[in-house]
N, C-alpha and C. Protein backbone atom coordinates (compact mmCIF):
# COMPACT_ATOMS: atom_id res chain seq x y z
N UNK A 1 0.80 -1.23 0.00
CA UNK A 1 0.00 0.00 0.00
C UNK A 1 0.84 1.28 0.00
N UNK A 2 2.00 1.26 0.66
CA UNK A 2 2.81 2.47 0.72
C UNK A 2 3.44 2.81 -0.63
N UNK A 3 3.40 1.90 -1.59
CA UNK A 3 3.95 2.16 -2.93
C UNK A 3 2.88 2.61 -3.92
N UNK A 4 1.65 2.66 -3.48
CA UNK A 4 0.56 2.97 -4.40
C UNK A 4 0.74 4.34 -5.07
N UNK A 5 1.07 5.37 -4.30
CA UNK A 5 1.19 6.70 -4.88
C UNK A 5 2.30 6.79 -5.93
N UNK A 6 3.55 6.38 -5.62
CA UNK A 6 4.59 6.50 -6.66
C UNK A 6 4.31 5.64 -7.90
N UNK A 7 3.71 4.48 -7.69
CA UNK A 7 3.40 3.61 -8.83
C UNK A 7 2.27 4.20 -9.68
N UNK A 8 1.23 4.73 -9.02
CA UNK A 8 0.11 5.32 -9.75
C UNK A 8 0.57 6.56 -10.51
N UNK A 9 1.40 7.38 -9.87
CA UNK A 9 1.93 8.58 -10.52
C UNK A 9 2.75 8.20 -11.75
N UNK A 10 3.64 7.24 -11.61
CA UNK A 10 4.49 6.82 -12.73
C UNK A 10 3.64 6.23 -13.85
N UNK A 11 2.65 5.43 -13.49
CA UNK A 11 1.77 4.84 -14.50
C UNK A 11 1.05 5.92 -15.29
N UNK A 12 0.56 6.95 -14.62
CA UNK A 12 -0.13 8.05 -15.29
C UNK A 12 0.78 8.77 -16.29
N UNK A 13 2.01 9.04 -15.88
CA UNK A 13 2.96 9.72 -16.78
C UNK A 13 3.28 8.84 -17.98
N UNK A 14 3.52 7.57 -17.74
CA UNK A 14 3.84 6.65 -18.84
C UNK A 14 2.65 6.51 -19.80
N UNK A 15 1.44 6.49 -19.27
CA UNK A 15 0.25 6.41 -20.14
C UNK A 15 0.13 7.65 -21.01
N UNK A 16 0.44 8.83 -20.46
CA UNK A 16 0.39 10.07 -21.27
C UNK A 16 1.45 10.05 -22.37
N UNK A 17 2.62 9.52 -22.06
CA UNK A 17 3.67 9.42 -23.08
C UNK A 17 3.23 8.46 -24.19
N UNK A 18 2.67 7.33 -23.81
CA UNK A 18 2.17 6.37 -24.81
C UNK A 18 1.07 6.99 -25.66
N UNK A 19 0.19 7.75 -25.03
CA UNK A 19 -0.89 8.41 -25.77
C UNK A 19 -0.31 9.37 -26.81
N UNK A 20 0.71 10.11 -26.43
CA UNK A 20 1.38 11.01 -27.37
C UNK A 20 1.94 10.23 -28.54
N UNK A 21 2.60 9.11 -28.26
CA UNK A 21 3.20 8.30 -29.32
C UNK A 21 2.15 7.68 -30.23
N UNK A 22 0.99 7.35 -29.69
CA UNK A 22 -0.06 6.72 -30.48
C UNK A 22 -0.92 7.70 -31.25
N UNK A 23 -0.87 8.98 -30.92
CA UNK A 23 -1.76 9.94 -31.57
C UNK A 23 -1.04 10.99 -32.41
N UNK A 24 0.27 11.07 -32.31
CA UNK A 24 1.01 12.10 -33.04
C UNK A 24 2.19 11.48 -33.78
N UNK A 25 2.58 12.13 -34.86
CA UNK A 25 3.82 11.77 -35.53
C UNK A 25 4.93 12.49 -34.77
N UNK A 26 5.89 11.74 -34.30
CA UNK A 26 6.93 12.30 -33.44
C UNK A 26 8.28 12.20 -34.15
N UNK A 27 8.97 13.33 -34.24
CA UNK A 27 10.31 13.34 -34.83
C UNK A 27 11.29 12.60 -33.91
N UNK A 28 12.40 12.17 -34.48
CA UNK A 28 13.37 11.35 -33.75
C UNK A 28 13.85 12.04 -32.47
N UNK A 29 14.18 13.32 -32.52
CA UNK A 29 14.67 14.01 -31.32
C UNK A 29 13.60 14.06 -30.24
N UNK A 30 12.35 14.32 -30.65
CA UNK A 30 11.24 14.33 -29.69
C UNK A 30 11.04 12.93 -29.10
N UNK A 31 11.18 11.92 -29.96
CA UNK A 31 11.05 10.54 -29.50
C UNK A 31 12.09 10.23 -28.44
N UNK A 32 13.32 10.67 -28.68
CA UNK A 32 14.39 10.44 -27.70
C UNK A 32 14.09 11.18 -26.39
N UNK A 33 13.53 12.37 -26.49
CA UNK A 33 13.14 13.11 -25.28
C UNK A 33 12.05 12.40 -24.51
N UNK A 34 11.05 11.89 -25.23
CA UNK A 34 9.98 11.13 -24.58
C UNK A 34 10.53 9.87 -23.93
N UNK A 35 11.45 9.21 -24.62
CA UNK A 35 12.06 7.99 -24.08
C UNK A 35 12.83 8.31 -22.80
N UNK A 36 13.56 9.42 -22.80
CA UNK A 36 14.30 9.82 -21.61
C UNK A 36 13.37 10.11 -20.44
N UNK A 37 12.26 10.80 -20.72
CA UNK A 37 11.28 11.08 -19.68
C UNK A 37 10.63 9.81 -19.17
N UNK A 38 10.32 8.91 -20.07
CA UNK A 38 9.70 7.64 -19.68
C UNK A 38 10.67 6.83 -18.82
N UNK A 39 11.94 6.82 -19.20
CA UNK A 39 12.94 6.07 -18.45
C UNK A 39 13.09 6.64 -17.03
N UNK A 40 13.17 7.97 -16.92
CA UNK A 40 13.31 8.59 -15.61
C UNK A 40 12.09 8.28 -14.74
N UNK A 41 10.90 8.33 -15.33
CA UNK A 41 9.67 8.03 -14.60
C UNK A 41 9.65 6.58 -14.15
N UNK A 42 10.00 5.69 -15.07
CA UNK A 42 10.01 4.26 -14.77
C UNK A 42 10.95 3.96 -13.60
N UNK A 43 12.18 4.49 -13.68
CA UNK A 43 13.14 4.19 -12.63
C UNK A 43 12.80 4.87 -11.31
N UNK A 44 12.10 5.99 -11.35
CA UNK A 44 11.68 6.61 -10.09
C UNK A 44 10.74 5.69 -9.34
N UNK A 45 9.93 4.92 -10.06
CA UNK A 45 9.03 3.95 -9.42
C UNK A 45 9.76 2.64 -9.12
N UNK A 46 10.57 2.18 -10.05
CA UNK A 46 11.28 0.90 -9.90
C UNK A 46 12.17 0.89 -8.66
N UNK A 47 12.82 2.02 -8.38
CA UNK A 47 13.71 2.07 -7.21
C UNK A 47 12.95 1.84 -5.91
N UNK A 48 11.68 2.16 -5.90
CA UNK A 48 10.88 2.07 -4.67
C UNK A 48 10.60 0.62 -4.24
N UNK A 49 10.72 -0.33 -5.15
CA UNK A 49 10.36 -1.71 -4.79
C UNK A 49 11.51 -2.49 -4.17
N UNK A 50 12.67 -1.84 -4.02
CA UNK A 50 13.83 -2.49 -3.41
C UNK A 50 14.00 -1.99 -1.98
N UNK A 51 14.53 -2.82 -1.10
CA UNK A 51 14.74 -2.38 0.28
C UNK A 51 15.80 -1.27 0.37
N UNK A 52 15.64 -0.42 1.37
CA UNK A 52 16.57 0.69 1.60
C UNK A 52 18.02 0.21 1.74
N UNK A 53 18.20 -0.99 2.29
CA UNK A 53 19.55 -1.51 2.55
C UNK A 53 20.38 -1.64 1.28
N UNK A 54 19.73 -1.71 0.12
CA UNK A 54 20.48 -1.84 -1.14
C UNK A 54 20.94 -0.49 -1.68
N UNK A 55 20.43 0.61 -1.11
CA UNK A 55 20.85 1.98 -1.48
C UNK A 55 20.60 2.31 -2.95
N UNK A 56 19.57 1.73 -3.52
CA UNK A 56 19.22 1.95 -4.92
C UNK A 56 18.26 3.13 -4.99
N UNK A 57 18.78 4.31 -5.33
CA UNK A 57 17.98 5.53 -5.36
C UNK A 57 17.72 6.04 -6.77
N UNK A 58 18.65 5.74 -7.68
CA UNK A 58 18.57 6.24 -9.05
C UNK A 58 19.36 5.29 -9.94
N UNK A 59 18.98 5.18 -11.21
CA UNK A 59 19.75 4.34 -12.14
C UNK A 59 21.05 5.04 -12.45
N UNK A 60 22.16 4.37 -12.21
CA UNK A 60 23.48 4.89 -12.58
C UNK A 60 24.35 3.76 -13.07
N UNK A 61 25.40 4.11 -13.77
CA UNK A 61 26.32 3.11 -14.32
C UNK A 61 27.67 3.78 -14.55
N UNK A 62 28.62 3.01 -14.92
CA UNK A 62 29.97 3.51 -15.27
C UNK A 62 30.59 4.37 -14.18
N UNK A 63 30.88 3.91 -13.04
CA UNK A 63 30.57 2.58 -12.51
C UNK A 63 29.24 2.57 -11.76
N UNK A 64 28.64 1.41 -11.62
CA UNK A 64 27.42 1.32 -10.81
C UNK A 64 27.78 1.58 -9.34
N UNK A 65 26.87 2.25 -8.63
CA UNK A 65 27.18 2.67 -7.27
C UNK A 65 26.53 1.82 -6.17
N UNK A 66 25.68 0.88 -6.55
CA UNK A 66 25.00 0.07 -5.54
C UNK A 66 24.73 -1.32 -6.14
N UNK A 67 24.34 -2.28 -5.32
CA UNK A 67 24.13 -3.65 -5.80
C UNK A 67 23.09 -3.78 -6.93
N UNK A 68 21.99 -3.05 -6.84
CA UNK A 68 20.96 -3.18 -7.88
C UNK A 68 21.48 -2.64 -9.21
N UNK A 69 22.13 -1.48 -9.20
CA UNK A 69 22.70 -0.95 -10.44
C UNK A 69 23.78 -1.86 -10.99
N UNK A 70 24.57 -2.46 -10.11
CA UNK A 70 25.60 -3.40 -10.56
C UNK A 70 24.96 -4.59 -11.26
N UNK A 71 23.90 -5.13 -10.67
CA UNK A 71 23.23 -6.29 -11.25
C UNK A 71 22.52 -5.92 -12.56
N UNK A 72 21.87 -4.75 -12.59
CA UNK A 72 21.23 -4.30 -13.83
C UNK A 72 22.26 -4.17 -14.95
N UNK A 73 23.38 -3.52 -14.66
CA UNK A 73 24.40 -3.33 -15.68
C UNK A 73 24.96 -4.65 -16.18
N UNK A 74 25.23 -5.56 -15.28
CA UNK A 74 25.74 -6.87 -15.66
C UNK A 74 24.73 -7.61 -16.55
N UNK A 75 23.48 -7.63 -16.14
CA UNK A 75 22.46 -8.35 -16.89
C UNK A 75 22.18 -7.70 -18.25
N UNK A 76 22.12 -6.37 -18.30
CA UNK A 76 21.92 -5.68 -19.58
C UNK A 76 23.08 -6.00 -20.53
N UNK A 77 24.29 -6.00 -19.99
CA UNK A 77 25.48 -6.27 -20.83
C UNK A 77 25.44 -7.69 -21.37
N UNK A 78 25.17 -8.66 -20.52
CA UNK A 78 25.12 -10.05 -20.98
C UNK A 78 24.02 -10.24 -22.02
N UNK A 79 22.86 -9.65 -21.77
CA UNK A 79 21.74 -9.81 -22.70
C UNK A 79 22.03 -9.09 -24.01
N UNK A 80 22.70 -7.95 -23.94
CA UNK A 80 23.11 -7.22 -25.14
C UNK A 80 23.94 -8.14 -26.05
N UNK A 81 24.89 -8.85 -25.45
CA UNK A 81 25.73 -9.71 -26.27
C UNK A 81 25.01 -10.96 -26.75
N UNK A 82 23.96 -11.37 -26.06
CA UNK A 82 23.10 -12.44 -26.59
C UNK A 82 22.49 -11.96 -27.91
N UNK A 83 22.04 -10.72 -27.92
CA UNK A 83 21.41 -10.15 -29.12
C UNK A 83 22.44 -9.94 -30.21
N UNK A 84 23.63 -9.45 -29.86
CA UNK A 84 24.69 -9.28 -30.87
C UNK A 84 24.96 -10.61 -31.57
N UNK A 85 25.05 -11.67 -30.79
CA UNK A 85 25.31 -13.00 -31.38
C UNK A 85 24.23 -13.37 -32.39
N UNK A 86 22.97 -13.18 -32.04
CA UNK A 86 21.88 -13.52 -32.95
C UNK A 86 21.88 -12.65 -34.20
N UNK A 87 22.18 -11.38 -34.03
CA UNK A 87 22.25 -10.47 -35.18
C UNK A 87 23.34 -10.95 -36.15
N UNK A 88 24.49 -11.29 -35.61
CA UNK A 88 25.60 -11.74 -36.45
C UNK A 88 25.32 -13.09 -37.09
N UNK A 89 24.64 -13.99 -36.37
CA UNK A 89 24.29 -15.30 -36.93
C UNK A 89 23.44 -15.13 -38.18
N UNK A 90 22.55 -14.14 -38.17
CA UNK A 90 21.68 -13.90 -39.33
C UNK A 90 22.33 -13.04 -40.40
N UNK A 91 23.55 -12.60 -40.16
CA UNK A 91 24.27 -11.86 -41.18
C UNK A 91 23.98 -10.37 -41.21
N UNK A 92 23.36 -9.86 -40.17
CA UNK A 92 23.13 -8.41 -40.10
C UNK A 92 24.32 -7.74 -39.44
N UNK A 93 24.45 -6.45 -39.66
CA UNK A 93 25.53 -5.68 -39.04
C UNK A 93 25.03 -5.10 -37.73
N UNK A 94 25.57 -5.53 -36.60
CA UNK A 94 25.05 -5.04 -35.32
C UNK A 94 25.34 -3.57 -35.05
N UNK A 95 26.23 -2.95 -35.84
CA UNK A 95 26.58 -1.54 -35.58
C UNK A 95 25.62 -0.55 -36.24
N UNK A 96 24.75 -1.04 -37.13
CA UNK A 96 23.84 -0.14 -37.84
C UNK A 96 22.45 -0.28 -37.25
N UNK A 97 22.07 0.71 -36.46
CA UNK A 97 20.76 0.69 -35.80
C UNK A 97 19.81 1.67 -36.46
N UNK A 98 18.62 1.76 -35.90
CA UNK A 98 17.66 2.72 -36.44
C UNK A 98 17.25 3.76 -35.41
N UNK A 99 17.32 3.47 -34.12
CA UNK A 99 17.09 4.48 -33.08
C UNK A 99 18.41 4.99 -32.52
N UNK A 100 19.28 4.05 -32.16
CA UNK A 100 20.60 4.45 -31.68
C UNK A 100 21.46 4.79 -32.89
N UNK A 101 22.05 5.97 -32.86
CA UNK A 101 22.87 6.39 -33.98
C UNK A 101 24.20 5.64 -34.00
N UNK A 102 24.81 5.63 -35.18
CA UNK A 102 26.10 4.98 -35.33
C UNK A 102 27.12 5.68 -34.45
N UNK A 103 27.85 4.90 -33.70
CA UNK A 103 28.93 5.41 -32.87
C UNK A 103 30.02 4.36 -32.89
N UNK A 104 31.23 4.76 -33.16
CA UNK A 104 32.33 3.81 -33.29
C UNK A 104 32.41 2.90 -32.06
N UNK A 105 32.43 1.60 -32.30
CA UNK A 105 32.57 0.62 -31.24
C UNK A 105 31.28 0.22 -30.56
N UNK A 106 30.14 0.79 -30.99
CA UNK A 106 28.86 0.45 -30.35
C UNK A 106 28.02 -0.36 -31.32
N UNK A 107 27.41 -1.40 -30.81
CA UNK A 107 26.48 -2.23 -31.61
C UNK A 107 25.09 -1.59 -31.51
N UNK A 108 24.85 -0.58 -32.34
CA UNK A 108 23.62 0.21 -32.24
C UNK A 108 22.36 -0.62 -32.48
N UNK A 109 22.40 -1.57 -33.40
CA UNK A 109 21.22 -2.40 -33.64
C UNK A 109 20.92 -3.25 -32.42
N UNK A 110 21.93 -3.78 -31.79
CA UNK A 110 21.72 -4.55 -30.56
C UNK A 110 21.16 -3.64 -29.46
N UNK A 111 21.64 -2.41 -29.39
CA UNK A 111 21.09 -1.46 -28.41
C UNK A 111 19.61 -1.21 -28.68
N UNK A 112 19.24 -1.10 -29.96
CA UNK A 112 17.83 -0.92 -30.32
C UNK A 112 17.00 -2.10 -29.84
N UNK A 113 17.47 -3.30 -30.10
CA UNK A 113 16.69 -4.50 -29.78
C UNK A 113 16.65 -4.81 -28.29
N UNK A 114 17.70 -4.46 -27.58
CA UNK A 114 17.71 -4.73 -26.14
C UNK A 114 16.61 -3.93 -25.44
N UNK A 115 16.21 -2.80 -26.03
CA UNK A 115 15.14 -1.99 -25.43
C UNK A 115 13.85 -2.79 -25.29
N UNK A 116 13.61 -3.73 -26.20
CA UNK A 116 12.40 -4.53 -26.14
C UNK A 116 12.36 -5.44 -24.91
N UNK A 117 13.52 -5.70 -24.32
CA UNK A 117 13.62 -6.68 -23.25
C UNK A 117 14.05 -6.09 -21.91
N UNK A 118 14.19 -4.78 -21.84
CA UNK A 118 14.67 -4.18 -20.59
C UNK A 118 13.78 -4.53 -19.40
N UNK A 119 12.48 -4.48 -19.58
CA UNK A 119 11.62 -4.79 -18.44
C UNK A 119 11.73 -6.26 -18.03
N UNK A 120 12.04 -7.14 -18.98
CA UNK A 120 12.27 -8.54 -18.62
C UNK A 120 13.53 -8.67 -17.77
N UNK A 121 14.57 -7.94 -18.16
CA UNK A 121 15.80 -7.95 -17.38
C UNK A 121 15.54 -7.34 -16.00
N UNK A 122 14.81 -6.22 -15.98
CA UNK A 122 14.51 -5.56 -14.71
C UNK A 122 13.72 -6.48 -13.78
N UNK A 123 12.77 -7.21 -14.34
CA UNK A 123 11.98 -8.15 -13.55
C UNK A 123 12.88 -9.26 -13.00
N UNK A 124 13.81 -9.76 -13.81
CA UNK A 124 14.75 -10.79 -13.37
C UNK A 124 15.60 -10.28 -12.21
N UNK A 125 16.12 -9.06 -12.33
CA UNK A 125 16.96 -8.49 -11.28
C UNK A 125 16.14 -8.32 -10.00
N UNK A 126 14.92 -7.82 -10.14
CA UNK A 126 14.07 -7.67 -8.96
C UNK A 126 13.85 -9.03 -8.28
N UNK A 127 13.61 -10.05 -9.08
CA UNK A 127 13.41 -11.40 -8.56
C UNK A 127 14.65 -11.88 -7.77
N UNK A 128 15.84 -11.62 -8.32
CA UNK A 128 17.07 -12.06 -7.65
C UNK A 128 17.20 -11.47 -6.26
N UNK A 129 16.80 -10.20 -6.11
CA UNK A 129 16.89 -9.57 -4.79
C UNK A 129 15.67 -9.91 -3.93
N UNK A 130 14.50 -10.01 -4.52
CA UNK A 130 13.31 -10.35 -3.75
C UNK A 130 13.44 -11.73 -3.10
N UNK A 131 13.99 -12.67 -3.87
CA UNK A 131 14.17 -14.04 -3.37
C UNK A 131 15.44 -14.18 -2.53
N UNK A 132 16.16 -13.08 -2.41
CA UNK A 132 17.41 -13.04 -1.64
C UNK A 132 18.45 -14.02 -2.20
N UNK A 133 18.38 -14.26 -3.50
CA UNK A 133 19.43 -15.02 -4.17
C UNK A 133 20.73 -14.25 -4.02
N UNK A 134 20.60 -12.91 -4.05
CA UNK A 134 21.74 -12.02 -3.83
C UNK A 134 21.32 -10.94 -2.84
N UNK A 135 22.26 -10.58 -1.98
CA UNK A 135 22.04 -9.49 -1.03
C UNK A 135 23.22 -8.53 -1.14
N UNK A 136 23.22 -7.49 -0.36
CA UNK A 136 24.32 -6.53 -0.42
C UNK A 136 25.65 -7.17 -0.04
N UNK A 137 25.63 -8.28 0.68
CA UNK A 137 26.88 -8.96 1.06
C UNK A 137 27.57 -9.64 -0.13
N UNK A 138 26.85 -9.81 -1.24
CA UNK A 138 27.43 -10.43 -2.43
C UNK A 138 28.23 -9.44 -3.28
N UNK A 139 28.28 -8.19 -2.84
CA UNK A 139 28.88 -7.14 -3.65
C UNK A 139 30.05 -6.48 -2.93
N UNK A 140 31.03 -6.10 -3.73
CA UNK A 140 32.16 -5.32 -3.21
C UNK A 140 31.93 -3.88 -3.66
N UNK A 141 32.18 -2.95 -2.77
CA UNK A 141 31.98 -1.55 -3.11
C UNK A 141 33.27 -0.78 -2.88
N UNK A 142 33.84 -0.28 -3.98
CA UNK A 142 35.07 0.53 -3.94
C UNK A 142 36.27 -0.24 -3.39
N UNK A 143 36.26 -1.58 -3.47
CA UNK A 143 37.38 -2.36 -2.94
C UNK A 143 38.62 -2.27 -3.84
N UNK A 144 38.55 -2.94 -4.99
CA UNK A 144 39.70 -2.98 -5.89
C UNK A 144 39.62 -1.93 -6.98
N UNK A 145 38.41 -1.45 -7.24
CA UNK A 145 38.20 -0.46 -8.30
C UNK A 145 36.97 0.37 -7.92
N UNK A 146 36.78 1.50 -8.57
CA UNK A 146 35.61 2.33 -8.24
C UNK A 146 34.31 1.61 -8.57
N UNK A 147 33.30 1.83 -7.76
CA UNK A 147 31.98 1.29 -8.04
C UNK A 147 31.66 0.06 -7.22
N UNK A 148 30.53 -0.52 -7.54
CA UNK A 148 30.00 -1.69 -6.83
C UNK A 148 29.93 -2.85 -7.83
N UNK A 149 30.45 -4.01 -7.43
CA UNK A 149 30.51 -5.16 -8.33
C UNK A 149 30.25 -6.45 -7.55
N UNK A 150 29.78 -7.47 -8.26
CA UNK A 150 29.63 -8.79 -7.64
C UNK A 150 30.99 -9.32 -7.24
N UNK A 151 31.06 -9.90 -6.06
CA UNK A 151 32.30 -10.54 -5.62
C UNK A 151 32.52 -11.81 -6.44
N UNK A 152 33.76 -12.28 -6.44
CA UNK A 152 34.13 -13.45 -7.25
C UNK A 152 33.27 -14.67 -6.92
N UNK A 153 33.09 -15.00 -5.66
CA UNK A 153 32.28 -16.17 -5.29
C UNK A 153 30.82 -15.96 -5.69
N UNK A 154 30.35 -14.75 -5.64
CA UNK A 154 28.97 -14.46 -6.03
C UNK A 154 28.78 -14.57 -7.54
N UNK A 155 29.82 -14.24 -8.29
CA UNK A 155 29.73 -14.41 -9.75
C UNK A 155 29.59 -15.88 -10.10
N UNK A 156 30.25 -16.75 -9.36
CA UNK A 156 30.11 -18.20 -9.59
C UNK A 156 28.67 -18.64 -9.39
N UNK A 157 28.01 -18.02 -8.44
CA UNK A 157 26.60 -18.32 -8.17
C UNK A 157 25.68 -17.67 -9.22
N UNK A 158 26.08 -16.49 -9.70
CA UNK A 158 25.23 -15.73 -10.61
C UNK A 158 25.11 -16.36 -12.00
N UNK A 159 26.21 -16.76 -12.60
CA UNK A 159 26.18 -17.20 -14.01
C UNK A 159 25.24 -18.37 -14.27
N UNK A 160 25.18 -19.39 -13.43
CA UNK A 160 24.19 -20.45 -13.67
C UNK A 160 22.75 -19.95 -13.55
N UNK A 161 22.50 -19.03 -12.63
CA UNK A 161 21.15 -18.47 -12.47
C UNK A 161 20.79 -17.66 -13.71
N UNK A 162 21.74 -16.85 -14.18
CA UNK A 162 21.51 -16.06 -15.39
C UNK A 162 21.24 -16.99 -16.58
N UNK A 163 22.05 -18.02 -16.72
CA UNK A 163 21.91 -18.94 -17.84
C UNK A 163 20.54 -19.59 -17.85
N UNK A 164 20.06 -19.97 -16.70
CA UNK A 164 18.73 -20.58 -16.61
C UNK A 164 17.66 -19.60 -17.09
N UNK A 165 17.76 -18.35 -16.66
CA UNK A 165 16.81 -17.32 -17.09
C UNK A 165 16.94 -17.05 -18.59
N UNK A 166 18.17 -16.93 -19.07
CA UNK A 166 18.41 -16.60 -20.48
C UNK A 166 17.91 -17.69 -21.42
N UNK A 167 17.95 -18.95 -20.97
CA UNK A 167 17.42 -20.04 -21.80
C UNK A 167 15.97 -19.79 -22.18
N UNK A 168 15.20 -19.27 -21.26
CA UNK A 168 13.80 -18.97 -21.54
C UNK A 168 13.61 -17.76 -22.42
N UNK A 169 14.58 -16.85 -22.41
CA UNK A 169 14.47 -15.61 -23.20
C UNK A 169 14.97 -15.78 -24.63
N UNK A 170 15.91 -16.69 -24.85
CA UNK A 170 16.54 -16.81 -26.17
C UNK A 170 15.56 -17.06 -27.31
N UNK A 171 14.58 -17.94 -27.16
CA UNK A 171 13.66 -18.13 -28.29
C UNK A 171 12.94 -16.83 -28.70
N UNK A 172 12.60 -16.00 -27.72
CA UNK A 172 11.95 -14.73 -28.03
C UNK A 172 12.87 -13.81 -28.79
N UNK A 173 14.12 -13.69 -28.34
CA UNK A 173 15.02 -12.77 -29.01
C UNK A 173 15.43 -13.30 -30.38
N UNK A 174 15.58 -14.61 -30.54
CA UNK A 174 15.87 -15.19 -31.85
C UNK A 174 14.73 -14.86 -32.81
N UNK A 175 13.50 -15.03 -32.35
CA UNK A 175 12.34 -14.73 -33.17
C UNK A 175 12.30 -13.25 -33.55
N UNK A 176 12.60 -12.37 -32.61
CA UNK A 176 12.57 -10.92 -32.87
C UNK A 176 13.62 -10.53 -33.90
N UNK A 177 14.82 -11.07 -33.78
CA UNK A 177 15.89 -10.74 -34.74
C UNK A 177 15.53 -11.29 -36.12
N UNK A 178 14.97 -12.49 -36.18
CA UNK A 178 14.56 -13.06 -37.47
C UNK A 178 13.45 -12.25 -38.12
N UNK A 179 12.48 -11.80 -37.32
CA UNK A 179 11.41 -10.95 -37.87
C UNK A 179 11.99 -9.67 -38.45
N UNK A 180 12.94 -9.08 -37.75
CA UNK A 180 13.57 -7.85 -38.24
C UNK A 180 14.32 -8.12 -39.54
N UNK A 181 15.10 -9.20 -39.58
CA UNK A 181 15.85 -9.54 -40.79
C UNK A 181 14.91 -9.77 -41.96
N UNK A 182 13.79 -10.44 -41.73
CA UNK A 182 12.81 -10.69 -42.78
C UNK A 182 12.24 -9.38 -43.31
N UNK A 183 11.91 -8.48 -42.40
CA UNK A 183 11.36 -7.18 -42.81
C UNK A 183 12.37 -6.41 -43.65
N UNK A 184 13.63 -6.45 -43.26
CA UNK A 184 14.68 -5.76 -44.02
C UNK A 184 14.83 -6.39 -45.39
N UNK A 185 14.90 -7.72 -45.44
CA UNK A 185 15.11 -8.41 -46.72
C UNK A 185 13.91 -8.24 -47.67
N UNK A 186 12.71 -8.12 -47.10
CA UNK A 186 11.51 -7.94 -47.93
C UNK A 186 11.28 -6.49 -48.31
N UNK A 187 12.16 -5.59 -47.85
CA UNK A 187 12.02 -4.18 -48.18
C UNK A 187 10.87 -3.50 -47.44
N UNK A 188 10.43 -4.06 -46.34
CA UNK A 188 9.33 -3.46 -45.56
C UNK A 188 9.90 -2.41 -44.61
N UNK A 189 8.98 -1.63 -44.04
CA UNK A 189 9.39 -0.72 -42.98
C UNK A 189 10.03 -1.55 -41.87
N UNK A 190 11.06 -1.02 -41.26
CA UNK A 190 11.73 -1.77 -40.21
C UNK A 190 10.83 -1.90 -38.99
N UNK A 191 10.06 -0.86 -38.72
CA UNK A 191 9.18 -0.87 -37.55
C UNK A 191 7.75 -1.03 -38.04
N UNK A 192 7.10 -2.15 -37.72
CA UNK A 192 5.72 -2.33 -38.19
C UNK A 192 4.78 -1.32 -37.56
């Protein structure tokens, strides 16, 4: 019950953003602005579902400053490379995206596609902490390098758990990459 207000507020803002996207033609820069606003709104609510002991107040990275951000960054990175692999298997160039602009060394197409699965990753991370598979004791903070990271023994525990989750996600992402490749090869709009 104590989360009702922040969740209801965030839901209302996200619904207004979706309404804008569904009723207006939006230029790319405006779309990026809406996406940024939606992301900030989403994370303002998402942070509330974690216990205070994890110190998760805002989404940050490079380096992550708390256990939840560390886990999100790790999972997003691993899932990103799952998508890169599928893109390359189908013979597409992962560096040429349609929302993320070309930037040297970045797989922009994979960045575009990972957006479809962010909430799945977020749900997985929430589950890991809710079930206490990982706690703040599994993380090192500012020990050997700046930021917060999984300890070595905790990484041994993490990878099998991640693999089990990723097995269920792979068929979806394979299907999504194949649908995209088919649309490109058939000369259709990339975004239906």
